[in-house]
Protein backbone atom coordinates (compact mmCIF):
# COMPACT_ATOMS: atom_id res chain seq x y z
CA UNK A 1 15.88 36.22 -17.93
CA UNK A 2 12.22 37.05 -18.65
CA UNK A 3 9.75 34.86 -16.77
CA UNK A 4 6.05 35.47 -17.26
CA UNK A 5 3.58 35.06 -14.41
CA UNK A 6 -0.03 34.01 -14.94
CA UNK A 7 -2.60 34.88 -12.29
CA UNK A 8 -5.54 32.71 -11.30
CA UNK A 9 -7.97 35.29 -12.66
CA UNK A 10 -6.43 34.86 -16.12
CA UNK A 11 -6.85 31.10 -16.25
CA UNK A 12 -9.00 29.59 -13.49
CA UNK A 13 -12.77 29.40 -13.94
CA UNK A 14 -14.08 30.68 -10.58
CA UNK A 15 -17.19 28.49 -10.73
CA UNK A 16 -15.25 25.21 -10.91
CA UNK A 17 -12.02 26.56 -9.36
CA UNK A 18 -10.12 24.86 -12.17
CA UNK A 19 -9.29 24.85 -15.87
CA UNK A 20 -9.05 21.91 -18.25
CA UNK A 21 -7.93 21.71 -21.86
CA UNK A 22 -6.14 19.48 -24.34
CA UNK A 23 -3.08 21.45 -25.43
CA UNK A 24 -0.47 20.92 -28.10
CA UNK A 25 3.07 22.22 -28.35
CA UNK A 26 2.32 24.12 -31.53
CA UNK A 27 0.17 26.79 -29.89
CA UNK A 28 0.98 26.81 -26.19
CA UNK A 29 3.03 29.40 -24.26
CA UNK A 30 6.65 29.19 -25.42
CA UNK A 31 8.20 31.35 -22.69
CA UNK A 32 9.32 30.39 -19.20
CA UNK A 33 6.48 31.11 -16.80
CA UNK A 34 5.13 30.59 -13.30
CA UNK A 35 1.51 30.74 -12.22
CA UNK A 36 -0.86 31.34 -9.33
CA UNK A 37 -2.27 27.79 -9.42
CA UNK A 38 -1.23 24.14 -9.71
CA UNK A 39 -1.14 22.16 -12.95
CA UNK A 40 -1.34 18.54 -14.03
CA UNK A 41 0.13 17.63 -17.42
CA UNK A 42 -0.63 14.23 -18.95
CA UNK A 43 0.90 13.31 -22.32
CA UNK A 44 -1.49 11.68 -24.80
CA UNK A 45 0.53 11.92 -28.02
CA UNK A 46 4.17 12.55 -28.86
CA UNK A 47 6.93 13.46 -26.42
CA UNK A 48 6.75 16.49 -24.13
CA UNK A 49 9.82 18.35 -22.89
CA UNK A 50 9.53 20.49 -19.75
CA UNK A 51 12.37 22.99 -19.61
CA UNK A 52 13.10 24.76 -16.31
CA UNK A 53 14.78 28.07 -15.54
CA UNK A 54 18.10 26.45 -14.55
CA UNK A 55 18.34 24.58 -17.88
CA UNK A 56 17.24 21.25 -16.42
CA UNK A 57 14.57 19.43 -18.43
CA UNK A 58 12.17 16.51 -18.01
CA UNK A 59 11.06 14.47 -21.00
CA UNK A 60 7.68 12.75 -20.80
CA UNK A 61 6.44 10.12 -23.21
CA UNK A 62 2.82 9.08 -23.66
CA UNK A 63 1.42 8.27 -20.23
CA UNK A 64 3.79 10.64 -18.44
CA UNK A 65 2.19 12.67 -15.66
CA UNK A 66 3.67 15.84 -14.16
CA UNK A 67 2.54 17.79 -11.08
CA UNK A 68 3.57 21.44 -11.45
CA UNK A 69 3.66 23.77 -8.46
CA UNK A 70 3.00 27.54 -8.67
CA UNK A 71 6.67 28.56 -8.37
CA UNK A 72 8.00 26.06 -10.93
CA UNK A 73 9.32 28.28 -13.74
CA UNK A 74 8.87 26.11 -16.82
CA UNK A 75 7.98 25.97 -20.48
CA UNK A 76 6.47 23.06 -22.43
CA UNK A 77 8.07 22.13 -25.74
CA UNK A 78 8.02 19.18 -28.08
CA UNK A 79 11.03 16.94 -27.49
CA UNK A 80 11.37 16.42 -31.25
CA UNK A 81 9.85 17.66 -34.47
CA UNK A 82 6.61 15.82 -33.81
CA UNK A 83 3.76 17.86 -32.34
CA UNK A 84 2.91 16.79 -28.80
CA UNK A 85 -0.59 16.73 -27.33
CA UNK A 86 -1.20 16.78 -23.59
CA UNK A 87 -4.02 17.25 -21.13
CA UNK A 88 -3.56 20.33 -18.97
CA UNK A 89 -5.65 20.60 -15.80
CA UNK A 90 -5.15 23.60 -13.53
CA UNK A 91 -6.44 23.81 -9.96
CA UNK A 92 -6.78 26.84 -7.71
CA UNK A 93 -4.49 27.20 -4.70
CA UNK A 94 -7.48 26.83 -2.39
CA UNK A 95 -8.62 23.58 -4.03
CA UNK A 96 -5.23 21.94 -3.65
CA UNK A 97 -4.80 23.24 -0.09
CA UNK A 98 -8.18 21.83 0.93
CA UNK A 99 -7.43 18.46 -0.66
CA UNK A 100 -4.05 18.24 1.04
CA UNK A 101 -5.79 19.04 4.33
CA UNK A 102 -8.39 16.36 3.62
CA UNK A 103 -5.75 13.73 2.83
CA UNK A 104 -4.02 14.46 6.14
CA UNK A 105 -0.47 14.03 7.38
CA UNK A 106 -0.19 10.48 6.03
CA UNK A 107 0.01 11.84 2.50
CA UNK A 108 3.11 13.90 3.32
CA UNK A 109 2.26 16.76 0.97
CA UNK A 110 5.34 18.68 2.13
CA UNK A 111 7.58 16.21 0.30
CA UNK A 112 5.57 16.75 -2.85
CA UNK A 113 5.86 20.52 -2.53
CA UNK A 114 9.50 20.69 -1.44
CA UNK A 115 11.08 18.52 -4.13
CA UNK A 116 13.43 20.54 -6.33
CA UNK A 117 11.63 19.69 -9.58
CA UNK A 118 8.00 18.84 -10.33
CA UNK A 119 7.35 15.17 -9.49
CA UNK A 120 6.82 12.80 -12.41
CA UNK A 121 4.75 9.62 -12.60
CA UNK A 122 4.71 7.08 -15.44
CA UNK A 123 1.38 5.35 -15.89
CA UNK A 124 0.98 1.78 -17.09
CA UNK A 125 -1.14 0.99 -20.15
CA UNK A 126 -4.13 0.18 -17.96
CA UNK A 127 -3.62 3.31 -15.83
CA UNK A 128 -3.48 5.44 -19.00
CA UNK A 129 -6.77 3.93 -20.13
CA UNK A 130 -8.39 4.63 -16.77
CA UNK A 131 -7.09 8.21 -16.63
CA UNK A 132 -8.34 9.00 -20.11
CA UNK A 133 -11.71 7.40 -19.38
CA UNK A 134 -12.15 9.61 -16.30
CA UNK A 135 -11.11 12.75 -18.19
CA UNK A 136 -13.35 11.94 -21.14
CA UNK A 137 -16.26 11.46 -18.77
CA UNK A 138 -15.68 14.99 -17.50
CA UNK A 139 -15.58 16.51 -20.97
CA UNK A 140 -18.89 14.84 -21.87
CA UNK A 141 -20.65 16.79 -19.11
CA UNK A 142 -22.73 19.76 -20.18
CA UNK A 143 -20.88 23.06 -19.76
CA UNK A 144 -23.61 24.41 -17.45
CA UNK A 145 -23.17 21.48 -15.01
CA UNK A 146 -20.50 23.43 -13.17
CA UNK A 147 -21.10 21.82 -9.76
CA UNK A 148 -20.69 18.32 -11.20
CA UNK A 149 -17.65 19.33 -13.25
CA UNK A 150 -16.06 20.85 -10.15
CA UNK A 151 -16.65 17.68 -8.12
CA UNK A 152 -15.42 15.42 -10.94
CA UNK A 153 -12.20 17.41 -11.37
CA UNK A 154 -11.56 17.27 -7.62
CA UNK A 155 -12.19 13.52 -7.60
CA UNK A 156 -9.69 13.14 -10.44
CA UNK A 157 -7.08 15.16 -8.53
CA UNK A 158 -7.51 13.01 -5.41
CA UNK A 159 -7.11 9.92 -7.58
CA UNK A 160 -3.91 11.33 -9.09
CA UNK A 161 -2.43 12.38 -5.75
CA UNK A 162 -3.20 9.13 -3.93
CA UNK A 163 -2.36 6.69 -6.71
CA UNK A 164 0.67 8.35 -8.29
CA UNK A 165 2.12 10.79 -5.77
CA UNK A 166 1.94 8.99 -2.44
CA UNK A 167 4.91 9.37 -0.10
CA UNK A 168 6.72 6.20 -1.14
CA UNK A 169 7.27 7.59 -4.64
CA UNK A 170 9.50 10.31 -3.16
CA UNK A 171 12.10 8.22 -1.41
CA UNK A 172 15.70 9.20 -2.01
CA UNK A 173 17.65 8.15 -5.07
CA UNK A 174 18.33 5.86 -6.80
CA UNK A 175 15.19 6.21 -8.87
CA UNK A 176 12.98 3.14 -8.69
CA UNK A 177 12.38 1.35 -12.01
CA UNK A 178 8.84 1.66 -13.37
CA UNK A 179 8.38 -2.12 -13.40
CA UNK A 180 9.28 -2.30 -9.70
CA UNK A 181 6.86 0.49 -8.75
CA UNK A 182 4.17 -1.36 -10.70
CA UNK A 183 4.85 -4.57 -8.77
CA UNK A 184 4.89 -2.65 -5.48
CA UNK A 185 1.50 -1.11 -6.23
CA UNK A 186 -0.05 -4.36 -7.47
CA UNK A 187 1.14 -6.34 -4.45
CA UNK A 188 -0.91 -4.11 -2.14
CA UNK A 189 -4.01 -5.81 -3.55
CA UNK A 190 -5.19 -8.72 -1.42
CA UNK A 191 -5.69 -10.91 -4.47
CA UNK A 192 -1.95 -10.62 -5.08
CA UNK A 193 -0.26 -10.43 -1.68
CA UNK A 194 -1.90 -13.63 -0.41
CA UNK A 195 -0.19 -15.48 -3.27
CA UNK A 196 3.27 -14.63 -2.02
CA UNK A 197 6.56 -13.96 -3.78
CA UNK A 198 5.66 -16.22 -6.72
CA UNK A 199 3.02 -13.65 -7.70
CA UNK A 200 5.61 -10.87 -7.42
CA UNK A 201 7.89 -12.72 -9.81
CA UNK A 202 5.01 -13.27 -12.21
CA UNK A 203 4.03 -9.60 -12.20
CA UNK A 204 7.62 -8.39 -12.55
CA UNK A 205 8.47 -10.69 -15.48
CA UNK A 206 11.96 -10.83 -13.96
CA UNK A 207 13.90 -13.67 -12.38
CA UNK A 208 13.37 -14.33 -8.67
CA UNK A 209 16.98 -13.38 -7.97
CA UNK A 210 16.74 -10.09 -9.90
CA UNK A 211 13.45 -9.17 -8.21
CA UNK A 212 14.83 -9.82 -4.72
CA UNK A 213 18.00 -7.85 -5.40
CA UNK A 214 16.19 -4.82 -6.85
CA UNK A 215 13.45 -4.86 -4.23
CA UNK A 216 15.91 -4.91 -1.35
CA UNK A 217 18.01 -2.21 -3.02
CA UNK A 218 15.10 0.19 -3.45
CA UNK A 219 12.79 -0.64 -0.53
CA UNK A 220 15.32 -1.81 2.07
CA UNK A 221 13.33 -4.99 2.70
CA UNK A 222 13.08 -8.48 1.27
CA UNK A 223 9.96 -9.44 -0.70
CA UNK A 224 9.09 -11.94 2.05
CA UNK A 225 9.24 -9.36 4.86
CA UNK A 226 7.27 -6.89 2.71
CA UNK A 227 4.53 -9.46 2.03
CA UNK A 228 4.37 -10.58 5.65
CA UNK A 229 3.99 -6.93 6.67
CA UNK A 230 1.04 -6.52 4.30
CA UNK A 231 -0.62 -9.71 5.52
CA UNK A 232 -0.11 -8.80 9.18
CA UNK A 233 -1.44 -5.28 8.62
CA UNK A 234 -4.51 -6.78 6.98
CA UNK A 235 -4.91 -9.28 9.82
CA UNK A 236 -4.70 -6.54 12.44
CA UNK A 237 -7.39 -4.54 10.65
CA UNK A 238 -9.66 -7.58 10.44
CA UNK A 239 -9.12 -8.34 14.13
CA UNK A 240 -10.03 -4.76 15.02
CA UNK A 241 -12.82 -4.21 12.51
CA UNK A 242 -14.55 -7.53 11.88
CA UNK A 243 -16.07 -10.44 13.78
CA UNK A 244 -14.23 -13.11 11.76
CA UNK A 245 -12.51 -15.71 13.89
CA UNK A 246 -8.74 -15.56 14.30
CA UNK A 247 -8.41 -18.88 12.48
CA UNK A 248 -10.54 -17.68 9.54
CA UNK A 249 -8.51 -14.48 9.26
CA UNK A 250 -5.23 -16.39 9.23
CA UNK A 251 -6.41 -18.95 6.66
CA UNK A 252 -7.91 -16.22 4.47
CA UNK A 253 -4.42 -14.70 4.27
CA UNK A 254 -2.81 -18.05 3.40
CA UNK A 255 -1.25 -18.48 6.83
CA UNK A 256 -1.84 -22.21 6.76
CA UNK A 257 0.44 -22.73 9.75
CA UNK A 258 -1.44 -21.07 12.62
CA UNK A 259 1.54 -21.27 14.97
CA UNK A 260 3.63 -19.37 12.43
CA UNK A 261 0.88 -16.74 12.12
CA UNK A 262 0.73 -16.27 15.90
CA UNK A 263 4.52 -16.06 16.09
CA UNK A 264 4.77 -13.40 13.34
CA UNK A 265 1.84 -11.42 14.72
CA UNK A 266 3.24 -11.30 18.24
CA UNK A 267 6.66 -10.34 16.89
CA UNK A 268 5.08 -7.44 14.98
CA UNK A 269 2.53 -6.19 17.54
CA UNK A 270 3.96 -7.42 20.83
CA UNK A 271 0.83 -9.38 21.78
CA UNK A 272 -1.08 -12.40 20.48
CA UNK A 273 -3.96 -11.93 18.03
CA UNK A 274 -6.46 -12.70 20.79
CA UNK A 275 -5.04 -10.06 23.13
CA UNK A 276 -4.78 -7.57 20.28
CA UNK A 277 -8.48 -8.06 19.47
CA UNK A 278 -9.44 -7.66 23.10
CA UNK A 279 -7.49 -4.43 23.32
CA UNK A 280 -9.42 -3.08 20.34
CA UNK A 281 -12.64 -3.67 22.28
CA UNK A 282 -14.34 -5.64 19.52
CA UNK A 283 -17.33 -7.53 20.96
């Protein structure tokens, strides 16, 4: 089997340590290949088929995002007769290494790098709009503004890694449904998690029973325990990093029963909110 190998010097612009283009399946490389850099593929039109050396393939529709590692032998084809257009952004090995180092151990980059096939993300309609807006902002920069282009491309990569390839997306099978991942992400926003499970049901557009069953199946927790965890995490951060009163913090998080708040907090952290704050040395 013939597998081509592209070096960084062939593709990467040394001034921005990256490469960015809008490709189509009519004129891209049609042979299995690896490369000396990382790639992001984002489908903007049609359906893209990534074929790998072992015959396995991934099919991405519009809004599909793929993170390709240097050793992933692959070729990009149209999944049907329609021409497919996709954004291709390549980053140097050094750029990705430095960003992984910056993100730290909490990002768990090893899981991203060790997965058998390139990790896929499916963006919502709003996420597609935001991604395209950020990319279009980059391509409106003057070509000679290399420092700004370099920074903007790095900022986009951090956004992609943090928002779409965080550790929770790589839990073991079964694969989480897109609608459930969307709810999971949205419920991390304070405006949502303080509203409780009713907001989860609203966002999911599923029945309460179906949501609870799927959530427990995929995240090994009930929606209630998940939401309480978020609220308690937020409370602990406010106790440690603000001067708001304990009562104000609890009420702000919709803990209208202060005794219940104290009980849950002590169960989670082993001490009362007042002791926890004292231990954080907030004056």
